[in-house]
């Protein structure tokens, strides 16, 4: 037992260091593996989700029922390049909202049903 403690205190027992982190290539390998794990578990699914949301926002048409990120339900009455005009509420008030502010499209189109 005292021999193990003295080896730890001296850094090496017989002059060779068998520590797993002694090789710089092994350390680089660990870093590469960690980056790959982060990519496949965090970054790639986020990019897939962003592409799906962007496709949904680009496929909004006049007459679609939508929900904004603020929770406002409305019907699209006009589509512009970077915004929509929706009408909501019983008085059919019209609001201009940004394209990125659409959270969900409640209207199902024929081309989406085929998928």
PDB file of N, CA and C in Angstrom:
ATOM      1  N   UNK A   1       0.822  -1.186   0.000  1.00  0.00           N
ATOM      2  CA  UNK A   1       0.000   0.000   0.000  1.00  0.00           C
ATOM      3  C   UNK A   1       0.865   1.248   0.000  1.00  0.00           C
ATOM      4  N   UNK A   2       1.913   1.249   0.825  1.00  0.00           N
ATOM      5  CA  UNK A   2       2.797   2.412   0.876  1.00  0.00           C
ATOM      6  C   UNK A   2       3.554   2.572  -0.435  1.00  0.00           C
ATOM      7  N   UNK A   3       3.783   1.456  -1.134  1.00  0.00           N
ATOM      8  CA  UNK A   3       4.446   1.511  -2.425  1.00  0.00           C
ATOM      9  C   UNK A   3       3.578   2.244  -3.440  1.00  0.00           C
ATOM     10  N   UNK A   4       2.255   2.001  -3.451  1.00  0.00           N
ATOM     11  CA  UNK A   4       1.352   2.694  -4.358  1.00  0.00           C
ATOM     12  C   UNK A   4       1.295   4.178  -4.059  1.00  0.00           C
ATOM     13  N   UNK A   5       1.301   4.529  -2.777  1.00  0.00           N
ATOM     14  CA  UNK A   5       1.265   5.939  -2.403  1.00  0.00           C
ATOM     15  C   UNK A   5       2.549   6.648  -2.799  1.00  0.00           C
ATOM     16  N   UNK A   6       3.673   5.975  -2.650  1.00  0.00           N
ATOM     17  CA  UNK A   6       4.936   6.597  -3.019  1.00  0.00           C
ATOM     18  C   UNK A   6       5.042   6.757  -4.532  1.00  0.00           C
ATOM     19  N   UNK A   7       4.463   5.813  -5.286  1.00  0.00           N
ATOM     20  CA  UNK A   7       4.469   5.950  -6.743  1.00  0.00           C
ATOM     21  C   UNK A   7       3.640   7.153  -7.164  1.00  0.00           C
ATOM     22  N   UNK A   8       2.500   7.349  -6.495  1.00  0.00           N
ATOM     23  CA  UNK A   8       1.660   8.490  -6.826  1.00  0.00           C
ATOM     24  C   UNK A   8       2.329   9.799  -6.454  1.00  0.00           C
ATOM     25  N   UNK A   9       3.049   9.808  -5.360  1.00  0.00           N
ATOM     26  CA  UNK A   9       3.714  11.029  -4.919  1.00  0.00           C
ATOM     27  C   UNK A   9       4.916  11.349  -5.799  1.00  0.00           C
ATOM     28  N   UNK A  10       5.638  10.317  -6.257  1.00  0.00           N
ATOM     29  CA  UNK A  10       6.816  10.539  -7.081  1.00  0.00           C
ATOM     30  C   UNK A  10       6.459  10.799  -8.530  1.00  0.00           C
ATOM     31  N   UNK A  11       5.290  10.415  -8.938  1.00  0.00           N
ATOM     32  CA  UNK A  11       4.883  10.624 -10.323  1.00  0.00           C
ATOM     33  C   UNK A  11       5.083   9.390 -11.165  1.00  0.00           C
ATOM     34  N   UNK A  12       6.105   8.597 -10.898  1.00  0.00           N
ATOM     35  CA  UNK A  12       6.344   7.387 -11.667  1.00  0.00           C
ATOM     36  C   UNK A  12       7.030   6.374 -10.766  1.00  0.00           C
ATOM     37  N   UNK A  13       6.691   5.113 -10.957  1.00  0.00           N
ATOM     38  CA  UNK A  13       7.251   4.070 -10.105  1.00  0.00           C
ATOM     39  C   UNK A  13       8.606   3.624 -10.580  1.00  0.00           C
ATOM     40  N   UNK A  14       8.729   3.212 -11.834  1.00  0.00           N
ATOM     41  CA  UNK A  14       9.983   2.663 -12.319  1.00  0.00           C
ATOM     42  C   UNK A  14      10.572   3.493 -13.458  1.00  0.00           C
ATOM     43  N   UNK A  15      10.134   4.725 -13.579  1.00  0.00           N
ATOM     44  CA  UNK A  15      10.703   5.568 -14.610  1.00  0.00           C
ATOM     45  C   UNK A  15       9.830   5.689 -15.845  1.00  0.00           C
ATOM     46  N   UNK A  16       8.851   4.814 -16.013  1.00  0.00           N
ATOM     47  CA  UNK A  16       7.938   4.911 -17.153  1.00  0.00           C
ATOM     48  C   UNK A  16       6.595   5.397 -16.652  1.00  0.00           C
ATOM     49  N   UNK A  17       5.973   6.214 -17.422  1.00  0.00           N
ATOM     50  CA  UNK A  17       4.667   6.768 -17.042  1.00  0.00           C
ATOM     51  C   UNK A  17       3.595   6.063 -17.860  1.00  0.00           C
ATOM     52  N   UNK A  18       2.783   5.255 -17.227  1.00  0.00           N
ATOM     53  CA  UNK A  18       1.732   4.515 -17.911  1.00  0.00           C
ATOM     54  C   UNK A  18       0.381   5.200 -17.774  1.00  0.00           C
ATOM     55  N   UNK A  19       0.376   6.448 -17.446  1.00  0.00           N
ATOM     56  CA  UNK A  19      -0.864   7.210 -17.291  1.00  0.00           C
ATOM     57  C   UNK A  19      -1.585   7.297 -18.637  1.00  0.00           C
ATOM     58  N   UNK A  20      -2.903   7.162 -18.622  1.00  0.00           N
ATOM     59  CA  UNK A  20      -3.680   7.172 -19.864  1.00  0.00           C
ATOM     60  C   UNK A  20      -3.611   8.526 -20.558  1.00  0.00           C
ATOM     61  N   UNK A  21      -3.387   9.589 -19.826  1.00  0.00           N
ATOM     62  CA  UNK A  21      -3.355  10.915 -20.425  1.00  0.00           C
ATOM     63  C   UNK A  21      -1.942  11.331 -20.820  1.00  0.00           C
ATOM     64  N   UNK A  22      -0.983  10.423 -20.791  1.00  0.00           N
ATOM     65  CA  UNK A  22       0.396  10.780 -21.096  1.00  0.00           C
ATOM     66  C   UNK A  22       0.595  11.041 -22.585  1.00  0.00           C
ATOM     67  N   UNK A  23      -0.186  10.411 -23.426  1.00  0.00           N
ATOM     68  CA  UNK A  23      -0.031  10.583 -24.857  1.00  0.00           C
ATOM     69  C   UNK A  23      -0.878  11.757 -25.354  1.00  0.00           C
ATOM     70  N   UNK A  24      -0.266  12.699 -26.037  1.00  0.00           N
ATOM     71  CA  UNK A  24      -1.072  13.819 -26.562  1.00  0.00           C
ATOM     72  C   UNK A  24      -2.060  13.358 -27.634  1.00  0.00           C
ATOM     73  N   UNK A  25      -1.736  12.289 -28.339  1.00  0.00           N
ATOM     74  CA  UNK A  25      -2.652  11.792 -29.367  1.00  0.00           C
ATOM     75  C   UNK A  25      -3.909  11.202 -28.751  1.00  0.00           C
ATOM     76  N   UNK A  26      -3.767  10.590 -27.609  1.00  0.00           N
ATOM     77  CA  UNK A  26      -4.925  10.051 -26.905  1.00  0.00           C
ATOM     78  C   UNK A  26      -5.834  11.178 -26.426  1.00  0.00           C
ATOM     79  N   UNK A  27      -5.251  12.248 -25.949  1.00  0.00           N
ATOM     80  CA  UNK A  27      -6.020  13.418 -25.523  1.00  0.00           C
ATOM     81  C   UNK A  27      -6.765  14.031 -26.709  1.00  0.00           C
ATOM     82  N   UNK A  28      -6.096  14.145 -27.825  1.00  0.00           N
ATOM     83  CA  UNK A  28      -6.736  14.666 -29.039  1.00  0.00           C
ATOM     84  C   UNK A  28      -7.866  13.740 -29.477  1.00  0.00           C
ATOM     85  N   UNK A  29      -7.653  12.436 -29.359  1.00  0.00           N
ATOM     86  CA  UNK A  29      -8.701  11.471 -29.697  1.00  0.00           C
ATOM     87  C   UNK A  29      -9.931  11.636 -28.821  1.00  0.00           C
ATOM     88  N   UNK A  30      -9.717  11.851 -27.501  1.00  0.00           N
ATOM     89  CA  UNK A  30     -10.843  12.089 -26.593  1.00  0.00           C
ATOM     90  C   UNK A  30     -11.606  13.350 -26.978  1.00  0.00           C
ATOM     91  N   UNK A  31     -10.889  14.379 -27.320  1.00  0.00           N
ATOM     92  CA  UNK A  31     -11.538  15.642 -27.710  1.00  0.00           C
ATOM     93  C   UNK A  31     -12.351  15.458 -28.983  1.00  0.00           C
ATOM     94  N   UNK A  32     -11.800  14.744 -29.954  1.00  0.00           N
ATOM     95  CA  UNK A  32     -12.525  14.497 -31.201  1.00  0.00           C
ATOM     96  C   UNK A  32     -13.793  13.693 -30.937  1.00  0.00           C
ATOM     97  N   UNK A  33     -13.700  12.693 -30.084  1.00  0.00           N
ATOM     98  CA  UNK A  33     -14.881  11.887 -29.752  1.00  0.00           C
ATOM     99  C   UNK A  33     -15.940  12.744 -29.056  1.00  0.00           C
ATOM    100  N   UNK A  34     -15.534  13.593 -28.125  1.00  0.00           N
ATOM    101  CA  UNK A  34     -16.486  14.469 -27.438  1.00  0.00           C
ATOM    102  C   UNK A  34     -17.152  15.447 -28.402  1.00  0.00           C
ATOM    103  N   UNK A  35     -16.394  16.013 -29.315  1.00  0.00           N
ATOM    104  CA  UNK A  35     -16.971  16.927 -30.307  1.00  0.00           C
ATOM    105  C   UNK A  35     -17.969  16.186 -31.189  1.00  0.00           C
ATOM    106  N   UNK A  36     -17.642  14.978 -31.587  1.00  0.00           N
ATOM    107  CA  UNK A  36     -18.565  14.187 -32.412  1.00  0.00           C
ATOM    108  C   UNK A  36     -19.846  13.870 -31.646  1.00  0.00           C
ATOM    109  N   UNK A  37     -19.726  13.542 -30.379  1.00  0.00           N
ATOM    110  CA  UNK A  37     -20.916  13.254 -29.565  1.00  0.00           C
ATOM    111  C   UNK A  37     -21.781  14.494 -29.446  1.00  0.00           C
ATOM    112  N   UNK A  38     -21.176  15.655 -29.161  1.00  0.00           N
ATOM    113  CA  UNK A  38     -21.941  16.904 -29.076  1.00  0.00           C
ATOM    114  C   UNK A  38     -22.625  17.216 -30.397  1.00  0.00           C
ATOM    115  N   UNK A  39     -21.932  16.981 -31.508  1.00  0.00           N
ATOM    116  CA  UNK A  39     -22.516  17.275 -32.814  1.00  0.00           C
ATOM    117  C   UNK A  39     -23.750  16.414 -33.063  1.00  0.00           C
ATOM    118  N   UNK A  40     -23.631  15.114 -32.841  1.00  0.00           N
ATOM    119  CA  UNK A  40     -24.732  14.213 -33.159  1.00  0.00           C
ATOM    120  C   UNK A  40     -25.869  14.259 -32.140  1.00  0.00           C
ATOM    121  N   UNK A  41     -25.597  14.676 -30.923  1.00  0.00           N
ATOM    122  CA  UNK A  41     -26.649  14.728 -29.915  1.00  0.00           C
ATOM    123  C   UNK A  41     -27.277  16.107 -29.747  1.00  0.00           C
ATOM    124  N   UNK A  42     -26.584  17.167 -30.133  1.00  0.00           N
ATOM    125  CA  UNK A  42     -27.108  18.507 -29.881  1.00  0.00           C
ATOM    126  C   UNK A  42     -27.243  19.354 -31.149  1.00  0.00           C
ATOM    127  N   UNK A  43     -26.201  19.483 -31.900  1.00  0.00           N
ATOM    128  CA  UNK A  43     -26.190  20.419 -33.025  1.00  0.00           C
ATOM    129  C   UNK A  43     -27.015  19.897 -34.191  1.00  0.00           C
ATOM    130  N   UNK A  44     -26.823  18.653 -34.576  1.00  0.00           N
ATOM    131  CA  UNK A  44     -27.536  18.097 -35.732  1.00  0.00           C
ATOM    132  C   UNK A  44     -29.054  18.065 -35.538  1.00  0.00           C
ATOM    133  N   UNK A  45     -29.582  17.612 -34.386  1.00  0.00           N
ATOM    134  CA  UNK A  45     -31.040  17.657 -34.207  1.00  0.00           C
ATOM    135  C   UNK A  45     -31.598  19.084 -34.217  1.00  0.00           C
ATOM    136  N   UNK A  46     -30.836  20.044 -33.690  1.00  0.00           N
ATOM    137  CA  UNK A  46     -31.293  21.432 -33.701  1.00  0.00           C
ATOM    138  C   UNK A  46     -31.387  21.953 -35.132  1.00  0.00           C
ATOM    139  N   UNK A  47     -30.415  21.619 -35.959  1.00  0.00           N
ATOM    140  CA  UNK A  47     -30.449  22.054 -37.360  1.00  0.00           C
ATOM    141  C   UNK A  47     -31.626  21.423 -38.102  1.00  0.00           C
ATOM    142  N   UNK A  48     -31.910  20.152 -37.826  1.00  0.00           N
ATOM    143  CA  UNK A  48     -33.062  19.490 -38.453  1.00  0.00           C
ATOM    144  C   UNK A  48     -34.357  20.179 -38.047  1.00  0.00           C
ATOM    145  N   UNK A  49     -34.470  20.532 -36.767  1.00  0.00           N
ATOM    146  CA  UNK A  49     -35.662  21.211 -36.267  1.00  0.00           C
ATOM    147  C   UNK A  49     -35.808  22.588 -36.916  1.00  0.00           C
ATOM    148  N   UNK A  50     -34.699  23.312 -37.072  1.00  0.00           N
ATOM    149  CA  UNK A  50     -34.745  24.627 -37.704  1.00  0.00           C
ATOM    150  C   UNK A  50     -35.166  24.523 -39.163  1.00  0.00           C
ATOM    151  N   UNK A  51     -34.672  23.529 -39.885  1.00  0.00           N
ATOM    152  CA  UNK A  51     -35.066  23.345 -41.285  1.00  0.00           C
ATOM    153  C   UNK A  51     -36.541  23.027 -41.411  1.00  0.00           C
ATOM    154  N   UNK A  52     -37.050  22.203 -40.501  1.00  0.00           N
ATOM    155  CA  UNK A  52     -38.468  21.851 -40.518  1.00  0.00           C
ATOM    156  C   UNK A  52     -39.339  23.078 -40.236  1.00  0.00           C
ATOM    157  N   UNK A  53     -38.940  23.894 -39.261  1.00  0.00           N
ATOM    158  CA  UNK A  53     -39.697  25.105 -38.951  1.00  0.00           C
ATOM    159  C   UNK A  53     -39.650  26.096 -40.106  1.00  0.00           C
ATOM    160  N   UNK A  54     -38.499  26.234 -40.733  1.00  0.00           N
ATOM    161  CA  UNK A  54     -38.370  27.153 -41.873  1.00  0.00           C
ATOM    162  C   UNK A  54     -39.236  26.685 -43.036  1.00  0.00           C
ATOM    163  N   UNK A  55     -39.281  25.388 -43.286  1.00  0.00           N
ATOM    164  CA  UNK A  55     -40.143  24.865 -44.348  1.00  0.00           C
ATOM    165  C   UNK A  55     -41.613  25.127 -44.030  1.00  0.00           C
ATOM    166  N   UNK A  56     -41.994  24.964 -42.769  1.00  0.00           N
ATOM    167  CA  UNK A  56     -43.373  25.241 -42.370  1.00  0.00           C
ATOM    168  C   UNK A  56     -43.713  26.707 -42.588  1.00  0.00           C
ATOM    169  N   UNK A  57     -42.810  27.595 -42.222  1.00  0.00           N
ATOM    170  CA  UNK A  57     -43.064  29.038 -42.384  1.00  0.00           C
ATOM    171  C   UNK A  57     -43.105  29.440 -43.853  1.00  0.00           C
ATOM    172  N   UNK A  58     -42.320  28.787 -44.685  1.00  0.00           N
ATOM    173  CA  UNK A  58     -42.322  29.113 -46.115  1.00  0.00           C
ATOM    174  C   UNK A  58     -43.555  28.567 -46.829  1.00  0.00           C
ATOM    175  N   UNK A  59     -44.235  27.576 -46.257  1.00  0.00           N
ATOM    176  CA  UNK A  59     -45.398  26.970 -46.896  1.00  0.00           C
ATOM    177  C   UNK A  59     -46.724  27.547 -46.407  1.00  0.00           C
ATOM    178  N   UNK A  60     -46.687  28.602 -45.597  1.00  0.00           N
ATOM    179  CA  UNK A  60     -47.927  29.229 -45.135  1.00  0.00           C
ATOM    180  C   UNK A  60     -48.582  29.952 -46.311  1.00  0.00           C
ATOM    181  N   UNK A  61     -49.886  29.722 -46.461  1.00  0.00           N
ATOM    182  CA  UNK A  61     -50.646  30.320 -47.562  1.00  0.00           C
ATOM    183  C   UNK A  61     -51.798  31.140 -46.998  1.00  0.00           C
ATOM    184  N   UNK A  62     -52.382  31.952 -47.855  1.00  0.00           N
ATOM    185  CA  UNK A  62     -53.552  32.740 -47.462  1.00  0.00           C
ATOM    186  C   UNK A  62     -54.668  31.778 -47.074  1.00  0.00           C
ATOM    187  N   UNK A  63     -55.305  32.047 -45.948  1.00  0.00           N
ATOM    188  CA  UNK A  63     -56.388  31.208 -45.463  1.00  0.00           C
ATOM    189  C   UNK A  63     -55.972  30.204 -44.406  1.00  0.00           C
ATOM    190  N   UNK A  64     -54.679  30.052 -44.169  1.00  0.00           N
ATOM    191  CA  UNK A  64     -54.197  29.098 -43.168  1.00  0.00           C
ATOM    192  C   UNK A  64     -54.459  29.621 -41.763  1.00  0.00           C
ATOM    193  N   UNK A  65     -54.813  28.701 -40.870  1.00  0.00           N
ATOM    194  CA  UNK A  65     -54.943  29.018 -39.446  1.00  0.00           C
ATOM    195  C   UNK A  65     -53.571  28.825 -38.815  1.00  0.00           C
ATOM    196  N   UNK A  66     -53.096  29.833 -38.074  1.00  0.00           N
ATOM    197  CA  UNK A  66     -51.767  29.768 -37.476  1.00  0.00           C
ATOM    198  C   UNK A  66     -51.827  30.142 -36.000  1.00  0.00           C
ATOM    199  N   UNK A  67     -50.749  29.811 -35.305  1.00  0.00           N
ATOM    200  CA  UNK A  67     -50.520  30.261 -33.940  1.00  0.00           C
ATOM    201  C   UNK A  67     -49.179  30.982 -33.948  1.00  0.00           C
ATOM    202  N   UNK A  68     -49.140  32.184 -33.376  1.00  0.00           N
ATOM    203  CA  UNK A  68     -47.881  32.914 -33.290  1.00  0.00           C
ATOM    204  C   UNK A  68     -47.129  32.491 -32.038  1.00  0.00           C
ATOM    205  N   UNK A  69     -45.868  32.926 -31.931  1.00  0.00           N
ATOM    206  CA  UNK A  69     -45.080  32.582 -30.749  1.00  0.00           C
ATOM    207  C   UNK A  69     -45.620  33.266 -29.499  1.00  0.00           C
ATOM    208  N   UNK A  70     -46.465  34.292 -29.677  1.00  0.00           N
ATOM    209  CA  UNK A  70     -47.092  34.959 -28.537  1.00  0.00           C
ATOM    210  C   UNK A  70     -48.379  34.262 -28.121  1.00  0.00           C
ATOM    211  N   UNK A  71     -48.808  33.257 -28.880  1.00  0.00           N
ATOM    212  CA  UNK A  71     -50.014  32.524 -28.541  1.00  0.00           C
ATOM    213  C   UNK A  71     -51.266  33.071 -29.185  1.00  0.00           C
ATOM    214  N   UNK A  72     -51.113  33.959 -30.159  1.00  0.00           N
ATOM    215  CA  UNK A  72     -52.260  34.543 -30.852  1.00  0.00           C
ATOM    216  C   UNK A  72     -52.677  33.605 -31.982  1.00  0.00           C
ATOM    217  N   UNK A  73     -53.969  33.234 -31.983  1.00  0.00           N
ATOM    218  CA  UNK A  73     -54.523  32.428 -33.071  1.00  0.00           C
ATOM    219  C   UNK A  73     -55.039  33.381 -34.132  1.00  0.00           C
ATOM    220  N   UNK A  74     -54.820  33.033 -35.400  1.00  0.00           N
ATOM    221  CA  UNK A  74     -55.315  33.900 -36.459  1.00  0.00           C
ATOM    222  C   UNK A  74     -55.349  33.196 -37.791  1.00  0.00           C
ATOM    223  N   UNK A  75     -55.929  33.878 -38.761  1.00  0.00           N
ATOM    224  CA  UNK A  75     -56.021  33.384 -40.133  1.00  0.00           C
ATOM    225  C   UNK A  75     -55.222  34.330 -41.016  1.00  0.00           C
ATOM    226  N   UNK A  76     -54.389  33.778 -41.880  1.00  0.00           N
ATOM    227  CA  UNK A  76     -53.555  34.581 -42.769  1.00  0.00           C
ATOM    228  C   UNK A  76     -54.444  35.170 -43.867  1.00  0.00           C
ATOM    229  N   UNK A  77     -54.373  36.502 -44.031  1.00  0.00           N
ATOM    230  CA  UNK A  77     -55.144  37.157 -45.088  1.00  0.00           C
ATOM    231  C   UNK A  77     -54.247  37.721 -46.178  1.00  0.00           C
ATOM    232  N   UNK A  78     -52.955  37.892 -45.893  1.00  0.00           N
ATOM    233  CA  UNK A  78     -52.016  38.369 -46.908  1.00  0.00           C
ATOM    234  C   UNK A  78     -50.618  37.850 -46.572  1.00  0.00           C
ATOM    235  N   UNK A  79     -49.877  37.511 -47.628  1.00  0.00           N
ATOM    236  CA  UNK A  79     -48.510  37.032 -47.473  1.00  0.00           C
ATOM    237  C   UNK A  79     -47.591  38.029 -48.146  1.00  0.00           C
ATOM    238  N   UNK A  80     -46.599  38.512 -47.402  1.00  0.00           N
ATOM    239  CA  UNK A  80     -45.589  39.403 -47.960  1.00  0.00           C
ATOM    240  C   UNK A  80     -44.241  38.700 -47.878  1.00  0.00           C
ATOM    241  N   UNK A  81     -43.210  39.369 -48.337  1.00  0.00           N
ATOM    242  CA  UNK A  81     -41.904  38.726 -48.398  1.00  0.00           C
ATOM    243  C   UNK A  81     -41.383  38.311 -47.030  1.00  0.00           C
ATOM    244  N   UNK A  82     -41.452  39.193 -46.054  1.00  0.00           N
ATOM    245  CA  UNK A  82     -40.908  38.885 -44.739  1.00  0.00           C
ATOM    246  C   UNK A  82     -41.943  38.971 -43.624  1.00  0.00           C
ATOM    247  N   UNK A  83     -43.210  39.082 -43.983  1.00  0.00           N
ATOM    248  CA  UNK A  83     -44.245  39.197 -42.954  1.00  0.00           C
ATOM    249  C   UNK A  83     -45.574  38.661 -43.480  1.00  0.00           C
ATOM    250  N   UNK A  84     -46.521  38.553 -42.563  1.00  0.00           N
ATOM    251  CA  UNK A  84     -47.882  38.128 -42.877  1.00  0.00           C
ATOM    252  C   UNK A  84     -48.840  39.134 -42.260  1.00  0.00           C
ATOM    253  N   UNK A  85     -50.018  39.216 -42.817  1.00  0.00           N
ATOM    254  CA  UNK A  85     -51.094  39.951 -42.179  1.00  0.00           C
ATOM    255  C   UNK A  85     -52.130  38.910 -41.789  1.00  0.00           C
ATOM    256  N   UNK A  86     -52.454  38.904 -40.496  1.00  0.00           N
ATOM    257  CA  UNK A  86     -53.430  37.934 -39.991  1.00  0.00           C
ATOM    258  C   UNK A  86     -54.607  38.683 -39.397  1.00  0.00           C
ATOM    259  N   UNK A  87     -55.754  38.017 -39.398  1.00  0.00           N
ATOM    260  CA  UNK A  87     -56.899  38.556 -38.675  1.00  0.00           C
ATOM    261  C   UNK A  87     -57.226  37.593 -37.552  1.00  0.00           C
ATOM    262  N   UNK A  88     -57.545  38.173 -36.399  1.00  0.00           N
ATOM    263  CA  UNK A  88     -57.795  37.347 -35.230  1.00  0.00           C
ATOM    264  C   UNK A  88     -58.898  37.972 -34.399  1.00  0.00           C
ATOM    265  N   UNK A  89     -59.461  37.162 -33.540  1.00  0.00           N
ATOM    266  CA  UNK A  89     -60.494  37.631 -32.626  1.00  0.00           C
ATOM    267  C   UNK A  89     -61.847  37.740 -33.287  1.00  0.00           C
ATOM    268  N   UNK A  90     -62.867  37.937 -32.467  1.00  0.00           N
ATOM    269  CA  UNK A  90     -64.226  38.028 -33.002  1.00  0.00           C
ATOM    270  C   UNK A  90     -64.461  39.294 -33.832  1.00  0.00           C
ATOM    271  N   UNK A  91     -63.686  40.344 -33.587  1.00  0.00           N
ATOM    272  CA  UNK A  91     -63.854  41.574 -34.361  1.00  0.00           C
ATOM    273  C   UNK A  91     -63.000  41.580 -35.623  1.00  0.00           C
ATOM    274  N   UNK A  92     -62.273  40.484 -35.864  1.00  0.00           N
ATOM    275  CA  UNK A  92     -61.433  40.306 -37.049  1.00  0.00           C
ATOM    276  C   UNK A  92     -60.408  41.434 -37.214  1.00  0.00           C
ATOM    277  N   UNK A  93     -59.778  41.776 -36.120  1.00  0.00           N
ATOM    278  CA  UNK A  93     -58.732  42.799 -36.184  1.00  0.00           C
ATOM    279  C   UNK A  93     -57.538  42.239 -36.948  1.00  0.00           C
ATOM    280  N   UNK A  94     -56.885  43.092 -37.706  1.00  0.00           N
ATOM    281  CA  UNK A  94     -55.757  42.669 -38.538  1.00  0.00           C
ATOM    282  C   UNK A  94     -54.457  43.108 -37.893  1.00  0.00           C
ATOM    283  N   UNK A  95     -53.489  42.207 -37.969  1.00  0.00           N
ATOM    284  CA  UNK A  95     -52.169  42.477 -37.409  1.00  0.00           C
ATOM    285  C   UNK A  95     -51.121  42.038 -38.411  1.00  0.00           C
ATOM    286  N   UNK A  96     -50.044  42.790 -38.449  1.00  0.00           N
ATOM    287  CA  UNK A  96     -48.912  42.407 -39.282  1.00  0.00           C
ATOM    288  C   UNK A  96     -47.899  41.727 -38.365  1.00  0.00           C
ATOM    289  N   UNK A  97     -47.486  40.518 -38.728  1.00  0.00           N
ATOM    290  CA  UNK A  97     -46.516  39.782 -37.923  1.00  0.00           C
ATOM    291  C   UNK A  97     -45.337  39.368 -38.805  1.00  0.00           C
ATOM    292  N   UNK A  98     -44.196  39.195 -38.176  1.00  0.00           N
ATOM    293  CA  UNK A  98     -42.997  38.754 -38.893  1.00  0.00           C
ATOM    294  C   UNK A  98     -43.114  37.272 -39.232  1.00  0.00           C
ATOM    295  N   UNK A  99     -42.438  36.869 -40.266  1.00  0.00           N
ATOM    296  CA  UNK A  99     -42.468  35.469 -40.703  1.00  0.00           C
ATOM    297  C   UNK A  99     -41.923  34.539 -39.624  1.00  0.00           C
ATOM    298  N   UNK A 100     -40.884  34.959 -38.917  1.00  0.00           N
ATOM    299  CA  UNK A 100     -40.272  34.120 -37.896  1.00  0.00           C
ATOM    300  C   UNK A 100     -41.166  33.975 -36.664  1.00  0.00           C
ATOM    301  N   UNK A 101     -42.237  34.788 -36.549  1.00  0.00           N
ATOM    302  CA  UNK A 101     -43.093  34.764 -35.366  1.00  0.00           C
ATOM    303  C   UNK A 101     -44.166  33.680 -35.428  1.00  0.00           C
ATOM    304  N   UNK A 102     -44.217  32.907 -36.497  1.00  0.00           N
ATOM    305  CA  UNK A 102     -45.201  31.827 -36.592  1.00  0.00           C
ATOM    306  C   UNK A 102     -44.636  30.598 -35.893  1.00  0.00           C
ATOM    307  N   UNK A 103     -45.414  30.094 -34.949  1.00  0.00           N
ATOM    308  CA  UNK A 103     -44.982  28.906 -34.213  1.00  0.00           C
ATOM    309  C   UNK A 103     -45.544  27.636 -34.828  1.00  0.00           C
ATOM    310  N   UNK A 104     -46.803  27.678 -35.267  1.00  0.00           N
ATOM    311  CA  UNK A 104     -47.436  26.457 -35.758  1.00  0.00           C
ATOM    312  C   UNK A 104     -48.473  26.802 -36.818  1.00  0.00           C
ATOM    313  N   UNK A 105     -48.555  25.980 -37.840  1.00  0.00           N
ATOM    314  CA  UNK A 105     -49.587  26.098 -38.858  1.00  0.00           C
ATOM    315  C   UNK A 105     -50.610  24.997 -38.590  1.00  0.00           C
ATOM    316  N   UNK A 106     -51.837  25.397 -38.301  1.00  0.00           N
ATOM    317  CA  UNK A 106     -52.878  24.422 -37.958  1.00  0.00           C
ATOM    318  C   UNK A 106     -53.571  23.836 -39.179  1.00  0.00           C
ATOM    319  N   UNK A 107     -53.391  24.442 -40.351  1.00  0.00           N
ATOM    320  CA  UNK A 107     -54.030  23.971 -41.571  1.00  0.00           C
ATOM    321  C   UNK A 107     -53.176  22.883 -42.214  1.00  0.00           C
ATOM    322  N   UNK A 108     -53.801  21.769 -42.560  1.00  0.00           N
ATOM    323  CA  UNK A 108     -53.109  20.665 -43.224  1.00  0.00           C
ATOM    324  C   UNK A 108     -53.390  20.746 -44.706  1.00  0.00           C
ATOM    325  N   UNK A 109     -52.329  20.765 -45.508  1.00  0.00           N
ATOM    326  CA  UNK A 109     -52.460  20.825 -46.966  1.00  0.00           C
ATOM    327  C   UNK A 109     -52.366  19.425 -47.557  1.00  0.00           C
ATOM    328  N   UNK A 110     -52.824  19.268 -48.789  1.00  0.00           N
ATOM    329  CA  UNK A 110     -52.842  17.954 -49.442  1.00  0.00           C
ATOM    330  C   UNK A 110     -51.453  17.389 -49.599  1.00  0.00           C
ATOM    331  N   UNK A 111     -50.454  18.230 -49.963  1.00  0.00           N
ATOM    332  CA  UNK A 111     -49.094  17.732 -50.156  1.00  0.00           C
ATOM    333  C   UNK A 111     -48.465  17.266 -48.851  1.00  0.00           C
ATOM    334  N   UNK A 112     -48.885  17.813 -47.721  1.00  0.00           N
ATOM    335  CA  UNK A 112     -48.371  17.371 -46.424  1.00  0.00           C
ATOM    336  C   UNK A 112     -49.021  16.059 -46.007  1.00  0.00           C
ATOM    337  N   UNK A 113     -50.268  15.807 -46.424  1.00  0.00           N
ATOM    338  CA  UNK A 113     -50.939  14.561 -46.082  1.00  0.00           C
ATOM    339  C   UNK A 113     -50.291  13.387 -46.796  1.00  0.00           C
ATOM    340  N   UNK A 114     -49.741  13.609 -47.983  1.00  0.00           N
ATOM    341  CA  UNK A 114     -49.139  12.533 -48.749  1.00  0.00           C
ATOM    342  C   UNK A 114     -47.838  12.028 -48.107  1.00  0.00           C
ATOM    343  N   UNK A 115     -47.189  12.831 -47.290  1.00  0.00           N
ATOM    344  CA  UNK A 115     -45.907  12.442 -46.671  1.00  0.00           C
ATOM    345  C   UNK A 115     -46.063  11.451 -45.574  1.00  0.00           C
TER     346      UNK A 115
END
